[in-house]
Amino acid sequence: MQLGYRCQGKRIGRQDLRRVAVVLGAAHLLRLANSDIYWDHIAEIKPAGSEMTYDLIVPGTHNFVADDIIAHNSGAIEQDADVVAFIYREEQYNRTEENAGLAEIIVAKQRNGPTGMVKLAFLKEFTRFENMWKE
């Protein structure tokens, strides 16, 4: 399928973008073509002052996607942290009567102390963790 549009180093116009959006069935392109904000000409640019800007350079790429969020260079957070702990609740993944109301706090890193795991009771109605009762 051809749209009859040749790229010659020119910006695409509003009408051409509408045609492309209709042919491709791309609703986001159609919204862009119909939006006045994108097509308004910039009348003036004024300086707004200056502020200090810092750019951190981290070797290599340390990106990953978690819940559709790109987490960039988050390894530095773990490196700088004194304590890294995780909460794990088996009942979130496998509901049984034995694991109802149980939680594990996993201390994966503790700069000046031990690591390990602690079992706690999770009171869902209060969103609260408490020590387990020993019988």
C-alpha atoms as a PDB file:
ATOM      1  CA  MET A   1       0.000   0.000   0.000  1.00  0.00           C
ATOM      2  CA  GLN A   2       1.397   3.393  -0.930  1.00  0.00           C
ATOM      3  CA  LEU A   3       0.419   6.717   0.494  1.00  0.00           C
ATOM      4  CA  GLY A   4       2.042   8.786  -2.243  1.00  0.00           C
ATOM      5  CA  TYR A   5       4.297  10.567   0.242  1.00  0.00           C
ATOM      6  CA  ARG A   6       8.021  10.767  -0.397  1.00  0.00           C
ATOM      7  CA  CYS A   7      10.418  11.835   2.286  1.00  0.00           C
ATOM      8  CA  GLN A   8      12.511  14.669   0.901  1.00  0.00           C
ATOM      9  CA  GLY A   9      13.777  16.058   4.171  1.00  0.00           C
ATOM     10  CA  LYS A  10      10.525  17.947   4.688  1.00  0.00           C
ATOM     11  CA  ARG A  11       8.296  17.907   7.722  1.00  0.00           C
ATOM     12  CA  ILE A  12       4.997  16.154   7.274  1.00  0.00           C
ATOM     13  CA  GLY A  13       2.008  18.478   7.161  1.00  0.00           C
ATOM     14  CA  ARG A  14      -1.249  18.205   9.045  1.00  0.00           C
ATOM     15  CA  GLN A  15      -3.266  16.954   6.039  1.00  0.00           C
ATOM     16  CA  ASP A  16      -0.658  14.325   5.134  1.00  0.00           C
ATOM     17  CA  LEU A  17      -0.525  13.124   8.727  1.00  0.00           C
ATOM     18  CA  ARG A  18      -4.320  12.769   8.749  1.00  0.00           C
ATOM     19  CA  ARG A  19      -4.138  10.627   5.585  1.00  0.00           C
ATOM     20  CA  VAL A  20      -1.407   8.443   7.076  1.00  0.00           C
ATOM     21  CA  ALA A  21      -3.402   8.062  10.302  1.00  0.00           C
ATOM     22  CA  VAL A  22      -6.546   7.016   8.425  1.00  0.00           C
ATOM     23  CA  VAL A  23      -4.715   4.527   6.177  1.00  0.00           C
ATOM     24  CA  LEU A  24      -2.833   2.983   9.109  1.00  0.00           C
ATOM     25  CA  GLY A  25      -5.817   3.166  11.460  1.00  0.00           C
ATOM     26  CA  ALA A  26      -3.593   4.884  14.028  1.00  0.00           C
ATOM     27  CA  ALA A  27      -5.771   6.788  16.495  1.00  0.00           C
ATOM     28  CA  HIS A  28      -2.765   8.410  18.205  1.00  0.00           C
ATOM     29  CA  LEU A  29      -1.597   9.905  14.885  1.00  0.00           C
ATOM     30  CA  LEU A  30      -5.100  11.178  14.172  1.00  0.00           C
ATOM     31  CA  ARG A  31      -5.221  12.877  17.597  1.00  0.00           C
ATOM     32  CA  LEU A  32      -1.853  14.465  16.849  1.00  0.00           C
ATOM     33  CA  ALA A  33      -3.029  15.671  13.421  1.00  0.00           C
ATOM     34  CA  ASN A  34      -6.139  17.237  14.961  1.00  0.00           C
ATOM     35  CA  SER A  35      -4.301  18.828  17.896  1.00  0.00           C
ATOM     36  CA  ASP A  36      -3.596  22.550  17.546  1.00  0.00           C
ATOM     37  CA  ILE A  37      -0.777  22.466  20.086  1.00  0.00           C
ATOM     38  CA  TYR A  38       1.553  20.491  17.829  1.00  0.00           C
ATOM     39  CA  TRP A  39       0.979  22.686  14.771  1.00  0.00           C
ATOM     40  CA  ASP A  40       1.215  26.145  16.405  1.00  0.00           C
ATOM     41  CA  HIS A  41       4.298  28.086  15.373  1.00  0.00           C
ATOM     42  CA  ILE A  42       6.720  29.135  18.092  1.00  0.00           C
ATOM     43  CA  ALA A  43       6.478  32.918  18.286  1.00  0.00           C
ATOM     44  CA  GLU A  44       9.227  33.634  20.787  1.00  0.00           C
ATOM     45  CA  ILE A  45      11.738  31.950  23.062  1.00  0.00           C
ATOM     46  CA  LYS A  46      12.903  33.868  26.129  1.00  0.00           C
ATOM     47  CA  PRO A  47      15.615  32.864  28.590  1.00  0.00           C
ATOM     48  CA  ALA A  48      14.201  31.927  31.991  1.00  0.00           C
ATOM     49  CA  GLY A  49      17.426  32.108  33.989  1.00  0.00           C
ATOM     50  CA  SER A  50      19.891  29.381  34.757  1.00  0.00           C
ATOM     51  CA  GLU A  51      20.299  26.650  37.333  1.00  0.00           C
ATOM     52  CA  MET A  52      23.068  24.189  38.062  1.00  0.00           C
ATOM     53  CA  THR A  53      22.682  20.943  36.138  1.00  0.00           C
ATOM     54  CA  TYR A  54      24.454  17.724  36.997  1.00  0.00           C
ATOM     55  CA  ASP A  55      24.914  14.823  34.641  1.00  0.00           C
ATOM     56  CA  LEU A  56      25.839  11.459  36.093  1.00  0.00           C
ATOM     57  CA  ILE A  57      27.593   9.044  33.801  1.00  0.00           C
ATOM     58  CA  VAL A  58      27.276   5.377  34.668  1.00  0.00           C
ATOM     59  CA  PRO A  59      29.288   2.845  32.667  1.00  0.00           C
ATOM     60  CA  GLY A  60      27.213   0.488  30.550  1.00  0.00           C
ATOM     61  CA  THR A  61      23.481   0.340  30.328  1.00  0.00           C
ATOM     62  CA  HIS A  62      21.624  -0.894  33.349  1.00  0.00           C
ATOM     63  CA  ASN A  63      18.033  -0.567  32.213  1.00  0.00           C
ATOM     64  CA  PHE A  64      15.125  -2.904  32.736  1.00  0.00           C
ATOM     65  CA  VAL A  65      11.365  -2.683  32.459  1.00  0.00           C
ATOM     66  CA  ALA A  66       9.219  -3.410  35.511  1.00  0.00           C
ATOM     67  CA  ASP A  67       5.449  -3.010  35.295  1.00  0.00           C
ATOM     68  CA  ASP A  68       5.875  -0.986  32.067  1.00  0.00           C
ATOM     69  CA  ILE A  69       8.272   1.425  33.810  1.00  0.00           C
ATOM     70  CA  ILE A  70      11.824   1.758  32.552  1.00  0.00           C
ATOM     71  CA  ALA A  71      14.131   1.618  35.555  1.00  0.00           C
ATOM     72  CA  HIS A  72      17.390   3.261  34.484  1.00  0.00           C
ATOM     73  CA  ASN A  73      20.611   2.596  36.384  1.00  0.00           C
ATOM     74  CA  SER A  74      18.725   1.397  39.439  1.00  0.00           C
ATOM     75  CA  GLY A  75      21.691  -0.790  40.420  1.00  0.00           C
ATOM     76  CA  ALA A  76      23.257   2.290  41.978  1.00  0.00           C
ATOM     77  CA  ILE A  77      20.373   2.453  44.449  1.00  0.00           C
ATOM     78  CA  GLU A  78      21.220  -1.030  45.720  1.00  0.00           C
ATOM     79  CA  GLN A  79      24.949  -0.265  45.837  1.00  0.00           C
ATOM     80  CA  ASP A  80      24.455   2.867  47.923  1.00  0.00           C
ATOM     81  CA  ALA A  81      21.846   1.360  50.262  1.00  0.00           C
ATOM     82  CA  ASP A  82      22.808   0.177  53.739  1.00  0.00           C
ATOM     83  CA  VAL A  83      19.872  -2.236  53.894  1.00  0.00           C
ATOM     84  CA  VAL A  84      17.971  -3.997  51.108  1.00  0.00           C
ATOM     85  CA  ALA A  85      14.898  -5.941  52.206  1.00  0.00           C
ATOM     86  CA  PHE A  86      12.039  -7.622  50.362  1.00  0.00           C
ATOM     87  CA  ILE A  87       8.564  -8.586  51.515  1.00  0.00           C
ATOM     88  CA  TYR A  88       7.287 -11.918  50.207  1.00  0.00           C
ATOM     89  CA  ARG A  89       3.767 -13.202  50.792  1.00  0.00           C
ATOM     90  CA  GLU A  90       3.145 -16.673  49.381  1.00  0.00           C
ATOM     91  CA  GLU A  91      -0.633 -16.189  49.546  1.00  0.00           C
ATOM     92  CA  GLN A  92      -0.326 -13.568  46.793  1.00  0.00           C
ATOM     93  CA  TYR A  93       0.823 -16.305  44.404  1.00  0.00           C
ATOM     94  CA  ASN A  94      -0.558 -19.537  45.856  1.00  0.00           C
ATOM     95  CA  ARG A  95      -3.549 -19.232  48.190  1.00  0.00           C
ATOM     96  CA  THR A  96      -3.745 -22.037  50.694  1.00  0.00           C
ATOM     97  CA  GLU A  97      -4.933 -22.178  54.273  1.00  0.00           C
ATOM     98  CA  GLU A  98      -1.387 -22.813  55.546  1.00  0.00           C
ATOM     99  CA  ASN A  99       0.072 -19.620  54.087  1.00  0.00           C
ATOM    100  CA  ALA A 100      -2.859 -17.282  54.797  1.00  0.00           C
ATOM    101  CA  GLY A 101      -1.693 -14.255  56.768  1.00  0.00           C
ATOM    102  CA  LEU A 102       2.007 -15.149  56.585  1.00  0.00           C
ATOM    103  CA  ALA A 103       4.804 -12.954  55.279  1.00  0.00           C
ATOM    104  CA  GLU A 104       8.551 -13.244  54.985  1.00  0.00           C
ATOM    105  CA  ILE A 105      10.884 -10.291  55.294  1.00  0.00           C
ATOM    106  CA  ILE A 106      14.028 -11.166  53.370  1.00  0.00           C
ATOM    107  CA  VAL A 107      17.017  -9.048  54.368  1.00  0.00           C
ATOM    108  CA  ALA A 108      19.189  -9.419  51.266  1.00  0.00           C
ATOM    109  CA  LYS A 109      21.805  -6.860  52.282  1.00  0.00           C
ATOM    110  CA  GLN A 110      22.709  -5.252  55.563  1.00  0.00           C
ATOM    111  CA  ARG A 111      25.981  -3.374  55.504  1.00  0.00           C
ATOM    112  CA  ASN A 112      26.648  -3.622  59.244  1.00  0.00           C
ATOM    113  CA  GLY A 113      24.655  -6.669  60.215  1.00  0.00           C
ATOM    114  CA  PRO A 114      23.352 -10.106  59.333  1.00  0.00           C
ATOM    115  CA  THR A 115      21.199 -11.056  56.362  1.00  0.00           C
ATOM    116  CA  GLY A 116      18.469 -13.645  56.399  1.00  0.00           C
ATOM    117  CA  MET A 117      14.738 -14.124  56.596  1.00  0.00           C
ATOM    118  CA  VAL A 118      12.142 -13.384  59.276  1.00  0.00           C
ATOM    119  CA  LYS A 119       8.613 -14.797  59.282  1.00  0.00           C
ATOM    120  CA  LEU A 120       5.867 -12.396  60.309  1.00  0.00           C
ATOM    121  CA  ALA A 121       2.103 -12.399  60.594  1.00  0.00           C
ATOM    122  CA  PHE A 122       0.384 -10.116  58.078  1.00  0.00           C
ATOM    123  CA  LEU A 123      -2.857  -8.508  59.225  1.00  0.00           C
ATOM    124  CA  LYS A 124      -4.469  -7.619  55.917  1.00  0.00           C
ATOM    125  CA  GLU A 125      -7.343  -5.608  57.394  1.00  0.00           C
ATOM    126  CA  PHE A 126      -4.836  -3.219  59.015  1.00  0.00           C
ATOM    127  CA  THR A 127      -2.030  -3.538  56.432  1.00  0.00           C
ATOM    128  CA  ARG A 128       0.220  -4.412  59.336  1.00  0.00           C
ATOM    129  CA  PHE A 129       3.007  -6.883  60.090  1.00  0.00           C
ATOM    130  CA  GLU A 130       3.465  -8.406  63.555  1.00  0.00           C
ATOM    131  CA  ASN A 131       5.707 -10.979  65.196  1.00  0.00           C
ATOM    132  CA  MET A 132       4.478 -14.560  64.922  1.00  0.00           C
ATOM    133  CA  TRP A 133       2.952 -16.075  68.059  1.00  0.00           C
ATOM    134  CA  LYS A 134       4.756 -19.122  69.370  1.00  0.00           C
ATOM    135  CA  GLU A 135       2.565 -21.821  70.867  1.00  0.00           C
END
